[in-house]
Amino acid sequence: MVTEYSESGKIFTEVIRKQPVEVWIQTTHQLMRGYIHIRPDARLKDEIDHQELSLAVTDAAVYNSEGGILFETKFLALNRSQIVWIIPVREIVELPET
C-alpha cells in the first residue's frame, strides 16, 4: 500500500475501489438483503472467506420469519459465523409456475 504525506503532515493512503454485489444472506436467525463490496479482481467467495470476524453489508434490510422487514440500515457488520448461505441476486433463476 502506498502512503503519502503532505507538507503539513496529513497522511494520504491509496483508495481501494470495490464493486457492490447485491445479495440475499440467510443467517442462523434472519434473512437479509443488501450489498457486499468486493475488489474488481476478486470473486464474491474471496470476500466471504476473509479471516476477519465481520462481513460488511451496506443498504441492508433484515427480515423476520414471516417475511416482514424488522429494520433497514445503511451499514451492518455481520458475524461470519452466523452465515448459512449467500446468493447474489443476479444469479437467482426464477422457476416457472407449475
PDB file of N, CA and C in Angstrom:
ATOM      1  N   MET A   1       0.845  -1.167   0.000  1.00  0.00           N
ATOM      2  CA  MET A   1       0.000   0.000   0.000  1.00  0.00           C
ATOM      3  C   MET A   1       0.893   1.232   0.000  1.00  0.00           C
ATOM      4  N   VAL A   2       0.543   2.231  -0.778  1.00  0.00           N
ATOM      5  CA  VAL A   2       1.309   3.460  -0.898  1.00  0.00           C
ATOM      6  C   VAL A   2       0.769   4.474   0.101  1.00  0.00           C
ATOM      7  N   THR A   3       1.680   5.058   0.882  1.00  0.00           N
ATOM      8  CA  THR A   3       1.302   6.102   1.824  1.00  0.00           C
ATOM      9  C   THR A   3       2.054   7.364   1.460  1.00  0.00           C
ATOM     10  N   GLU A   4       1.334   8.466   1.341  1.00  0.00           N
ATOM     11  CA  GLU A   4       1.937   9.746   1.008  1.00  0.00           C
ATOM     12  C   GLU A   4       1.642  10.734   2.126  1.00  0.00           C
ATOM     13  N   TYR A   5       2.545  11.686   2.323  1.00  0.00           N
ATOM     14  CA  TYR A   5       2.398  12.708   3.348  1.00  0.00           C
ATOM     15  C   TYR A   5       2.459  14.082   2.699  1.00  0.00           C
ATOM     16  N   SER A   6       1.607  14.979   3.156  1.00  0.00           N
ATOM     17  CA  SER A   6       1.670  16.357   2.658  1.00  0.00           C
ATOM     18  C   SER A   6       2.680  17.128   3.507  1.00  0.00           C
ATOM     19  N   GLU A   7       3.006  18.338   3.092  1.00  0.00           N
ATOM     20  CA  GLU A   7       3.950  19.173   3.833  1.00  0.00           C
ATOM     21  C   GLU A   7       3.448  19.456   5.251  1.00  0.00           C
ATOM     22  N   SER A   8       2.135  19.503   5.418  1.00  0.00           N
ATOM     23  CA  SER A   8       1.572  19.781   6.742  1.00  0.00           C
ATOM     24  C   SER A   8       1.473  18.534   7.613  1.00  0.00           C
ATOM     25  N   GLY A   9       1.852  17.367   7.055  1.00  0.00           N
ATOM     26  CA  GLY A   9       1.822  16.126   7.837  1.00  0.00           C
ATOM     27  C   GLY A   9       0.577  15.287   7.644  1.00  0.00           C
ATOM     28  N   LYS A  10      -0.330  15.738   6.779  1.00  0.00           N
ATOM     29  CA  LYS A  10      -1.537  14.959   6.517  1.00  0.00           C
ATOM     30  C   LYS A  10      -1.165  13.677   5.789  1.00  0.00           C
ATOM     31  N   ILE A  11      -1.783  12.572   6.173  1.00  0.00           N
ATOM     32  CA  ILE A  11      -1.485  11.262   5.590  1.00  0.00           C
ATOM     33  C   ILE A  11      -2.522  10.935   4.523  1.00  0.00           C
ATOM     34  N   PHE A  12      -2.043  10.531   3.352  1.00  0.00           N
ATOM     35  CA  PHE A  12      -2.912  10.093   2.260  1.00  0.00           C
ATOM     36  C   PHE A  12      -2.610   8.629   1.978  1.00  0.00           C
ATOM     37  N   THR A  13      -3.638   7.800   1.947  1.00  0.00           N
ATOM     38  CA  THR A  13      -3.454   6.385   1.608  1.00  0.00           C
ATOM     39  C   THR A  13      -4.206   6.079   0.329  1.00  0.00           C
ATOM     40  N   GLU A  14      -3.819   5.009  -0.319  1.00  0.00           N
ATOM     41  CA  GLU A  14      -4.439   4.594  -1.568  1.00  0.00           C
ATOM     42  C   GLU A  14      -5.887   4.172  -1.321  1.00  0.00           C
ATOM     43  N   VAL A  15      -6.788   4.642  -2.174  1.00  0.00           N
ATOM     44  CA  VAL A  15      -8.196   4.262  -2.076  1.00  0.00           C
ATOM     45  C   VAL A  15      -8.370   2.927  -2.785  1.00  0.00           C
ATOM     46  N   ILE A  16      -8.999   1.977  -2.098  1.00  0.00           N
ATOM     47  CA  ILE A  16      -9.250   0.668  -2.692  1.00  0.00           C
ATOM     48  C   ILE A  16     -10.673   0.674  -3.239  1.00  0.00           C
ATOM     49  N   ARG A  17     -10.799   0.587  -4.537  1.00  0.00           N
ATOM     50  CA  ARG A  17     -12.107   0.582  -5.192  1.00  0.00           C
ATOM     51  C   ARG A  17     -12.720  -0.808  -5.077  1.00  0.00           C
ATOM     52  N   LYS A  18     -14.001  -0.852  -4.749  1.00  0.00           N
ATOM     53  CA  LYS A  18     -14.714  -2.122  -4.664  1.00  0.00           C
ATOM     54  C   LYS A  18     -16.034  -1.999  -5.411  1.00  0.00           C
ATOM     55  N   GLN A  19     -16.530  -3.134  -5.872  1.00  0.00           N
ATOM     56  CA  GLN A  19     -17.798  -3.165  -6.596  1.00  0.00           C
ATOM     57  C   GLN A  19     -18.878  -3.745  -5.690  1.00  0.00           C
ATOM     58  N   PRO A  20     -20.050  -3.105  -5.609  1.00  0.00           N
ATOM     59  CA  PRO A  20     -21.134  -3.663  -4.797  1.00  0.00           C
ATOM     60  C   PRO A  20     -21.799  -4.832  -5.512  1.00  0.00           C
ATOM     61  N   VAL A  21     -22.071  -5.883  -4.753  1.00  0.00           N
ATOM     62  CA  VAL A  21     -22.788  -7.051  -5.266  1.00  0.00           C
ATOM     63  C   VAL A  21     -24.021  -7.234  -4.378  1.00  0.00           C
ATOM     64  N   GLU A  22     -25.206  -7.136  -4.993  1.00  0.00           N
ATOM     65  CA  GLU A  22     -26.441  -7.305  -4.224  1.00  0.00           C
ATOM     66  C   GLU A  22     -26.641  -8.784  -3.915  1.00  0.00           C
ATOM     67  N   VAL A  23     -26.924  -9.077  -2.640  1.00  0.00           N
ATOM     68  CA  VAL A  23     -27.030 -10.470  -2.204  1.00  0.00           C
ATOM     69  C   VAL A  23     -28.208 -10.670  -1.250  1.00  0.00           C
ATOM     70  N   TRP A  24     -28.658 -11.919  -1.198  1.00  0.00           N
ATOM     71  CA  TRP A  24     -29.534 -12.407  -0.140  1.00  0.00           C
ATOM     72  C   TRP A  24     -28.636 -13.206   0.791  1.00  0.00           C
ATOM     73  N   ILE A  25     -28.782 -12.994   2.093  1.00  0.00           N
ATOM     74  CA  ILE A  25     -27.984 -13.708   3.082  1.00  0.00           C
ATOM     75  C   ILE A  25     -28.926 -14.356   4.087  1.00  0.00           C
ATOM     76  N   GLN A  26     -28.766 -15.659   4.275  1.00  0.00           N
ATOM     77  CA  GLN A  26     -29.511 -16.364   5.319  1.00  0.00           C
ATOM     78  C   GLN A  26     -28.568 -16.540   6.497  1.00  0.00           C
ATOM     79  N   THR A  27     -28.968 -16.018   7.647  1.00  0.00           N
ATOM     80  CA  THR A  27     -28.182 -16.234   8.859  1.00  0.00           C
ATOM     81  C   THR A  27     -28.873 -17.308   9.682  1.00  0.00           C
ATOM     82  N   THR A  28     -28.346 -17.589  10.844  1.00  0.00           N
ATOM     83  CA  THR A  28     -28.962 -18.616  11.689  1.00  0.00           C
ATOM     84  C   THR A  28     -30.347 -18.217  12.169  1.00  0.00           C
ATOM     85  N   HIS A  29     -30.671 -16.898  12.147  1.00  0.00           N
ATOM     86  CA  HIS A  29     -31.978 -16.464  12.641  1.00  0.00           C
ATOM     87  C   HIS A  29     -32.774 -15.565  11.707  1.00  0.00           C
ATOM     88  N   GLN A  30     -32.109 -14.856  10.773  1.00  0.00           N
ATOM     89  CA  GLN A  30     -32.820 -13.949   9.887  1.00  0.00           C
ATOM     90  C   GLN A  30     -32.372 -14.102   8.441  1.00  0.00           C
ATOM     91  N   LEU A  31     -33.196 -13.534   7.581  1.00  0.00           N
ATOM     92  CA  LEU A  31     -32.866 -13.415   6.170  1.00  0.00           C
ATOM     93  C   LEU A  31     -32.622 -11.937   5.915  1.00  0.00           C
ATOM     94  N   MET A  32     -31.606 -11.613   5.130  1.00  0.00           N
ATOM     95  CA  MET A  32     -31.342 -10.209   4.832  1.00  0.00           C
ATOM     96  C   MET A  32     -30.964 -10.028   3.379  1.00  0.00           C
ATOM     97  N   ARG A  33     -31.167  -8.811   2.920  1.00  0.00           N
ATOM     98  CA  ARG A  33     -30.790  -8.427   1.562  1.00  0.00           C
ATOM     99  C   ARG A  33     -29.965  -7.161   1.664  1.00  0.00           C
ATOM    100  N   GLY A  34     -28.870  -7.109   0.920  1.00  0.00           N
ATOM    101  CA  GLY A  34     -28.025  -5.933   0.964  1.00  0.00           C
ATOM    102  C   GLY A  34     -26.886  -6.078  -0.029  1.00  0.00           C
ATOM    103  N   TYR A  35     -25.834  -5.302   0.169  1.00  0.00           N
ATOM    104  CA  TYR A  35     -24.685  -5.300  -0.734  1.00  0.00           C
ATOM    105  C   TYR A  35     -23.405  -5.665   0.006  1.00  0.00           C
ATOM    106  N   ILE A  36     -22.644  -6.570  -0.588  1.00  0.00           N
ATOM    107  CA  ILE A  36     -21.292  -6.887  -0.142  1.00  0.00           C
ATOM    108  C   ILE A  36     -20.376  -6.274  -1.192  1.00  0.00           C
ATOM    109  N   HIS A  37     -19.309  -5.654  -0.764  1.00  0.00           N
ATOM    110  CA  HIS A  37     -18.406  -4.961  -1.689  1.00  0.00           C
ATOM    111  C   HIS A  37     -17.140  -5.779  -1.897  1.00  0.00           C
ATOM    112  N   ILE A  38     -16.827  -6.043  -3.174  1.00  0.00           N
ATOM    113  CA  ILE A  38     -15.656  -6.863  -3.497  1.00  0.00           C
ATOM    114  C   ILE A  38     -14.713  -6.103  -4.421  1.00  0.00           C
ATOM    115  N   ARG A  39     -13.446  -6.468  -4.366  1.00  0.00           N
ATOM    116  CA  ARG A  39     -12.450  -5.872  -5.259  1.00  0.00           C
ATOM    117  C   ARG A  39     -12.737  -6.326  -6.684  1.00  0.00           C
ATOM    118  N   PRO A  40     -12.470  -5.466  -7.679  1.00  0.00           N
ATOM    119  CA  PRO A  40     -12.781  -5.805  -9.070  1.00  0.00           C
ATOM    120  C   PRO A  40     -12.112  -7.093  -9.563  1.00  0.00           C
ATOM    121  N   ASP A  41     -10.956  -7.440  -9.021  1.00  0.00           N
ATOM    122  CA  ASP A  41     -10.241  -8.631  -9.480  1.00  0.00           C
ATOM    123  C   ASP A  41     -10.519  -9.852  -8.599  1.00  0.00           C
ATOM    124  N   ALA A  42     -11.504  -9.769  -7.704  1.00  0.00           N
ATOM    125  CA  ALA A  42     -11.803 -10.870  -6.781  1.00  0.00           C
ATOM    126  C   ALA A  42     -13.199 -11.430  -7.038  1.00  0.00           C
ATOM    127  N   ARG A  43     -13.442 -12.580  -6.435  1.00  0.00           N
ATOM    128  CA  ARG A  43     -14.764 -13.208  -6.509  1.00  0.00           C
ATOM    129  C   ARG A  43     -15.511 -12.952  -5.195  1.00  0.00           C
ATOM    130  N   LEU A  44     -16.820 -13.111  -5.212  1.00  0.00           N
ATOM    131  CA  LEU A  44     -17.621 -12.976  -4.000  1.00  0.00           C
ATOM    132  C   LEU A  44     -17.119 -13.944  -2.937  1.00  0.00           C
ATOM    133  N   LYS A  45     -16.808 -15.150  -3.331  1.00  0.00           N
ATOM    134  CA  LYS A  45     -16.309 -16.160  -2.393  1.00  0.00           C
ATOM    135  C   LYS A  45     -15.021 -15.697  -1.710  1.00  0.00           C
ATOM    136  N   ASP A  46     -14.157 -15.011  -2.447  1.00  0.00           N
ATOM    137  CA  ASP A  46     -12.919 -14.492  -1.858  1.00  0.00           C
ATOM    138  C   ASP A  46     -13.235 -13.519  -0.720  1.00  0.00           C
ATOM    139  N   GLU A  47     -14.224 -12.669  -0.909  1.00  0.00           N
ATOM    140  CA  GLU A  47     -14.601 -11.707   0.133  1.00  0.00           C
ATOM    141  C   GLU A  47     -15.210 -12.422   1.335  1.00  0.00           C
ATOM    142  N   ILE A  48     -16.014 -13.433   1.076  1.00  0.00           N
ATOM    143  CA  ILE A  48     -16.655 -14.177   2.163  1.00  0.00           C
ATOM    144  C   ILE A  48     -15.624 -14.952   2.976  1.00  0.00           C
ATOM    145  N   ASP A  49     -14.585 -15.445   2.341  1.00  0.00           N
ATOM    146  CA  ASP A  49     -13.592 -16.294   3.004  1.00  0.00           C
ATOM    147  C   ASP A  49     -12.502 -15.547   3.775  1.00  0.00           C
ATOM    148  N   HIS A  50     -12.554 -14.210   3.819  1.00  0.00           N
ATOM    149  CA  HIS A  50     -11.553 -13.471   4.601  1.00  0.00           C
ATOM    150  C   HIS A  50     -11.583 -13.933   6.053  1.00  0.00           C
ATOM    151  N   GLN A  51     -10.490 -13.771   6.746  1.00  0.00           N
ATOM    152  CA  GLN A  51     -10.369 -14.221   8.131  1.00  0.00           C
ATOM    153  C   GLN A  51     -10.962 -13.251   9.151  1.00  0.00           C
ATOM    154  N   GLU A  52     -11.384 -12.082   8.721  1.00  0.00           N
ATOM    155  CA  GLU A  52     -11.961 -11.109   9.646  1.00  0.00           C
ATOM    156  C   GLU A  52     -13.238 -11.657  10.267  1.00  0.00           C
ATOM    157  N   LEU A  53     -13.520 -11.243  11.493  1.00  0.00           N
ATOM    158  CA  LEU A  53     -14.682 -11.729  12.223  1.00  0.00           C
ATOM    159  C   LEU A  53     -15.998 -11.286  11.583  1.00  0.00           C
ATOM    160  N   SER A  54     -16.019 -10.067  11.019  1.00  0.00           N
ATOM    161  CA  SER A  54     -17.264  -9.496  10.480  1.00  0.00           C
ATOM    162  C   SER A  54     -17.196  -9.296   8.976  1.00  0.00           C
ATOM    163  N   LEU A  55     -18.361  -9.339   8.357  1.00  0.00           N
ATOM    164  CA  LEU A  55     -18.529  -9.055   6.942  1.00  0.00           C
ATOM    165  C   LEU A  55     -19.390  -7.798   6.840  1.00  0.00           C
ATOM    166  N   ALA A  56     -18.915  -6.790   6.117  1.00  0.00           N
ATOM    167  CA  ALA A  56     -19.668  -5.550   5.963  1.00  0.00           C
ATOM    168  C   ALA A  56     -20.783  -5.727   4.937  1.00  0.00           C
ATOM    169  N   VAL A  57     -21.990  -5.315   5.304  1.00  0.00           N
ATOM    170  CA  VAL A  57     -23.154  -5.342   4.417  1.00  0.00           C
ATOM    171  C   VAL A  57     -23.732  -3.930   4.422  1.00  0.00           C
ATOM    172  N   THR A  58     -23.933  -3.345   3.240  1.00  0.00           N
ATOM    173  CA  THR A  58     -24.489  -1.999   3.161  1.00  0.00           C
ATOM    174  C   THR A  58     -25.900  -2.029   2.593  1.00  0.00           C
ATOM    175  N   ASP A  59     -26.650  -0.968   2.868  1.00  0.00           N
ATOM    176  CA  ASP A  59     -28.049  -0.843   2.430  1.00  0.00           C
ATOM    177  C   ASP A  59     -28.807  -2.134   2.718  1.00  0.00           C
ATOM    178  N   ALA A  60     -28.721  -2.586   3.953  1.00  0.00           N
ATOM    179  CA  ALA A  60     -29.283  -3.877   4.350  1.00  0.00           C
ATOM    180  C   ALA A  60     -30.721  -3.761   4.838  1.00  0.00           C
ATOM    181  N   ALA A  61     -31.510  -4.783   4.501  1.00  0.00           N
ATOM    182  CA  ALA A  61     -32.855  -4.954   5.043  1.00  0.00           C
ATOM    183  C   ALA A  61     -32.874  -6.324   5.704  1.00  0.00           C
ATOM    184  N   VAL A  62     -33.308  -6.377   6.958  1.00  0.00           N
ATOM    185  CA  VAL A  62     -33.351  -7.628   7.713  1.00  0.00           C
ATOM    186  C   VAL A  62     -34.809  -8.025   7.895  1.00  0.00           C
ATOM    187  N   TYR A  63     -35.112  -9.278   7.546  1.00  0.00           N
ATOM    188  CA  TYR A  63     -36.490  -9.781   7.544  1.00  0.00           C
ATOM    189  C   TYR A  63     -36.720 -10.775   8.671  1.00  0.00           C
ATOM    190  N   ASN A  64     -37.957 -10.810   9.194  1.00  0.00           N
ATOM    191  CA  ASN A  64     -38.317 -11.818  10.187  1.00  0.00           C
ATOM    192  C   ASN A  64     -38.769 -13.092   9.476  1.00  0.00           C
ATOM    193  N   SER A  65     -39.143 -14.102  10.241  1.00  0.00           N
ATOM    194  CA  SER A  65     -39.504 -15.401   9.652  1.00  0.00           C
ATOM    195  C   SER A  65     -40.784 -15.349   8.826  1.00  0.00           C
ATOM    196  N   GLU A  66     -41.617 -14.312   9.009  1.00  0.00           N
ATOM    197  CA  GLU A  66     -42.847 -14.171   8.219  1.00  0.00           C
ATOM    198  C   GLU A  66     -42.632 -13.346   6.961  1.00  0.00           C
ATOM    199  N   GLY A  67     -41.418 -12.831   6.733  1.00  0.00           N
ATOM    200  CA  GLY A  67     -41.125 -12.046   5.549  1.00  0.00           C
ATOM    201  C   GLY A  67     -41.275 -10.541   5.734  1.00  0.00           C
ATOM    202  N   GLY A  68     -41.626 -10.115   6.940  1.00  0.00           N
ATOM    203  CA  GLY A  68     -41.738  -8.683   7.220  1.00  0.00           C
ATOM    204  C   GLY A  68     -40.379  -8.092   7.550  1.00  0.00           C
ATOM    205  N   ILE A  69     -40.209  -6.828   7.230  1.00  0.00           N
ATOM    206  CA  ILE A  69     -38.927  -6.167   7.500  1.00  0.00           C
ATOM    207  C   ILE A  69     -38.836  -5.801   8.976  1.00  0.00           C
ATOM    208  N   LEU A  70     -37.778  -6.300   9.626  1.00  0.00           N
ATOM    209  CA  LEU A  70     -37.509  -5.930  11.012  1.00  0.00           C
ATOM    210  C   LEU A  70     -36.892  -4.539  11.076  1.00  0.00           C
ATOM    211  N   PHE A  71     -35.902  -4.292  10.210  1.00  0.00           N
ATOM    212  CA  PHE A  71     -35.279  -2.972  10.127  1.00  0.00           C
ATOM    213  C   PHE A  71     -34.443  -2.868   8.868  1.00  0.00           C
ATOM    214  N   GLU A  72     -34.132  -1.626   8.521  1.00  0.00           N
ATOM    215  CA  GLU A  72     -33.238  -1.323   7.403  1.00  0.00           C
ATOM    216  C   GLU A  72     -32.117  -0.451   7.947  1.00  0.00           C
ATOM    217  N   THR A  73     -30.922  -0.589   7.365  1.00  0.00           N
ATOM    218  CA  THR A  73     -29.783   0.194   7.811  1.00  0.00           C
ATOM    219  C   THR A  73     -28.806   0.411   6.659  1.00  0.00           C
ATOM    220  N   LYS A  74     -28.070   1.494   6.708  1.00  0.00           N
ATOM    221  CA  LYS A  74     -27.065   1.777   5.680  1.00  0.00           C
ATOM    222  C   LYS A  74     -25.844   0.878   5.842  1.00  0.00           C
ATOM    223  N   PHE A  75     -25.540   0.434   7.074  1.00  0.00           N
ATOM    224  CA  PHE A  75     -24.371  -0.409   7.319  1.00  0.00           C
ATOM    225  C   PHE A  75     -24.689  -1.432   8.394  1.00  0.00           C
ATOM    226  N   LEU A  76     -24.219  -2.668   8.150  1.00  0.00           N
ATOM    227  CA  LEU A  76     -24.396  -3.745   9.112  1.00  0.00           C
ATOM    228  C   LEU A  76     -23.107  -4.566   9.120  1.00  0.00           C
ATOM    229  N   ALA A  77     -22.551  -4.833  10.280  1.00  0.00           N
ATOM    230  CA  ALA A  77     -21.388  -5.715  10.409  1.00  0.00           C
ATOM    231  C   ALA A  77     -21.929  -7.076  10.823  1.00  0.00           C
ATOM    232  N   LEU A  78     -21.847  -8.043   9.932  1.00  0.00           N
ATOM    233  CA  LEU A  78     -22.409  -9.368  10.137  1.00  0.00           C
ATOM    234  C   LEU A  78     -21.321 -10.329  10.597  1.00  0.00           C
ATOM    235  N   ASN A  79     -21.559 -11.012  11.709  1.00  0.00           N
ATOM    236  CA  ASN A  79     -20.618 -12.004  12.202  1.00  0.00           C
ATOM    237  C   ASN A  79     -20.606 -13.178  11.224  1.00  0.00           C
ATOM    238  N   ARG A  80     -19.452 -13.466  10.657  1.00  0.00           N
ATOM    239  CA  ARG A  80     -19.340 -14.501   9.621  1.00  0.00           C
ATOM    240  C   ARG A  80     -19.785 -15.880  10.106  1.00  0.00           C
ATOM    241  N   SER A  81     -19.647 -16.157  11.396  1.00  0.00           N
ATOM    242  CA  SER A  81     -20.035 -17.474  11.915  1.00  0.00           C
ATOM    243  C   SER A  81     -21.550 -17.678  11.878  1.00  0.00           C
ATOM    244  N   GLN A  82     -22.331 -16.606  11.686  1.00  0.00           N
ATOM    245  CA  GLN A  82     -23.785 -16.700  11.647  1.00  0.00           C
ATOM    246  C   GLN A  82     -24.341 -16.934  10.244  1.00  0.00           C
ATOM    247  N   ILE A  83     -23.474 -16.911   9.225  1.00  0.00           N
ATOM    248  CA  ILE A  83     -23.933 -17.053   7.837  1.00  0.00           C
ATOM    249  C   ILE A  83     -24.202 -18.520   7.505  1.00  0.00           C
ATOM    250  N   VAL A  84     -25.399 -18.781   6.966  1.00  0.00           N
ATOM    251  CA  VAL A  84     -25.767 -20.119   6.500  1.00  0.00           C
ATOM    252  C   VAL A  84     -25.516 -20.213   4.996  1.00  0.00           C
ATOM    253  N   TRP A  85     -26.007 -19.210   4.236  1.00  0.00           N
ATOM    254  CA  TRP A  85     -25.756 -19.148   2.791  1.00  0.00           C
ATOM    255  C   TRP A  85     -25.868 -17.717   2.292  1.00  0.00           C
ATOM    256  N   ILE A  86     -25.245 -17.489   1.125  1.00  0.00           N
ATOM    257  CA  ILE A  86     -25.308 -16.195   0.447  1.00  0.00           C
ATOM    258  C   ILE A  86     -25.563 -16.452  -1.031  1.00  0.00           C
ATOM    259  N   ILE A  87     -26.522 -15.723  -1.613  1.00  0.00           N
ATOM    260  CA  ILE A  87     -26.822 -15.838  -3.039  1.00  0.00           C
ATOM    261  C   ILE A  87     -26.776 -14.452  -3.670  1.00  0.00           C
ATOM    262  N   PRO A  88     -25.959 -14.257  -4.702  1.00  0.00           N
ATOM    263  CA  PRO A  88     -26.012 -12.987  -5.432  1.00  0.00           C
ATOM    264  C   PRO A  88     -27.368 -12.875  -6.136  1.00  0.00           C
ATOM    265  N   VAL A  89     -28.009 -11.733  -6.039  1.00  0.00           N
ATOM    266  CA  VAL A  89     -29.333 -11.529  -6.640  1.00  0.00           C
ATOM    267  C   VAL A  89     -29.290 -11.796  -8.142  1.00  0.00           C
ATOM    268  N   ARG A  90     -28.216 -11.394  -8.815  1.00  0.00           N
ATOM    269  CA  ARG A  90     -28.129 -11.577 -10.270  1.00  0.00           C
ATOM    270  C   ARG A  90     -28.039 -13.056 -10.672  1.00  0.00           C
ATOM    271  N   GLU A  91     -27.756 -13.934  -9.727  1.00  0.00           N
ATOM    272  CA  GLU A  91     -27.635 -15.365 -10.021  1.00  0.00           C
ATOM    273  C   GLU A  91     -28.947 -16.128  -9.799  1.00  0.00           C
ATOM    274  N   ILE A  92     -29.948 -15.482  -9.241  1.00  0.00           N
ATOM    275  CA  ILE A  92     -31.213 -16.167  -8.927  1.00  0.00           C
ATOM    276  C   ILE A  92     -31.971 -16.433 -10.220  1.00  0.00           C
ATOM    277  N   VAL A  93     -32.407 -17.657 -10.374  1.00  0.00           N
ATOM    278  CA  VAL A  93     -33.190 -18.073 -11.540  1.00  0.00           C
ATOM    279  C   VAL A  93     -34.621 -18.281 -11.089  1.00  0.00           C
ATOM    280  N   GLU A  94     -35.517 -17.568 -11.714  1.00  0.00           N
ATOM    281  CA  GLU A  94     -36.936 -17.709 -11.396  1.00  0.00           C
ATOM    282  C   GLU A  94     -37.473 -19.004 -12.021  1.00  0.00           C
ATOM    283  N   LEU A  95     -38.123 -19.816 -11.227  1.00  0.00           N
ATOM    284  CA  LEU A  95     -38.704 -21.048 -11.734  1.00  0.00           C
ATOM    285  C   LEU A  95     -40.072 -20.758 -12.326  1.00  0.00           C
ATOM    286  N   PRO A  96     -40.416 -21.442 -13.418  1.00  0.00           N
ATOM    287  CA  PRO A  96     -41.762 -21.231 -13.992  1.00  0.00           C
ATOM    288  C   PRO A  96     -42.820 -21.800 -13.062  1.00  0.00           C
ATOM    289  N   GLU A  97     -43.984 -21.180 -13.096  1.00  0.00           N
ATOM    290  CA  GLU A  97     -45.089 -21.689 -12.275  1.00  0.00           C
ATOM    291  C   GLU A  97     -45.581 -23.001 -12.850  1.00  0.00           C
ATOM    292  N   THR A  98     -45.926 -23.905 -11.963  1.00  0.00           N
ATOM    293  CA  THR A  98     -46.423 -25.214 -12.407  1.00  0.00           C
ATOM    294  C   THR A  98     -47.899 -25.345 -12.210  1.00  0.00           C
TER     295      THR A  98
END
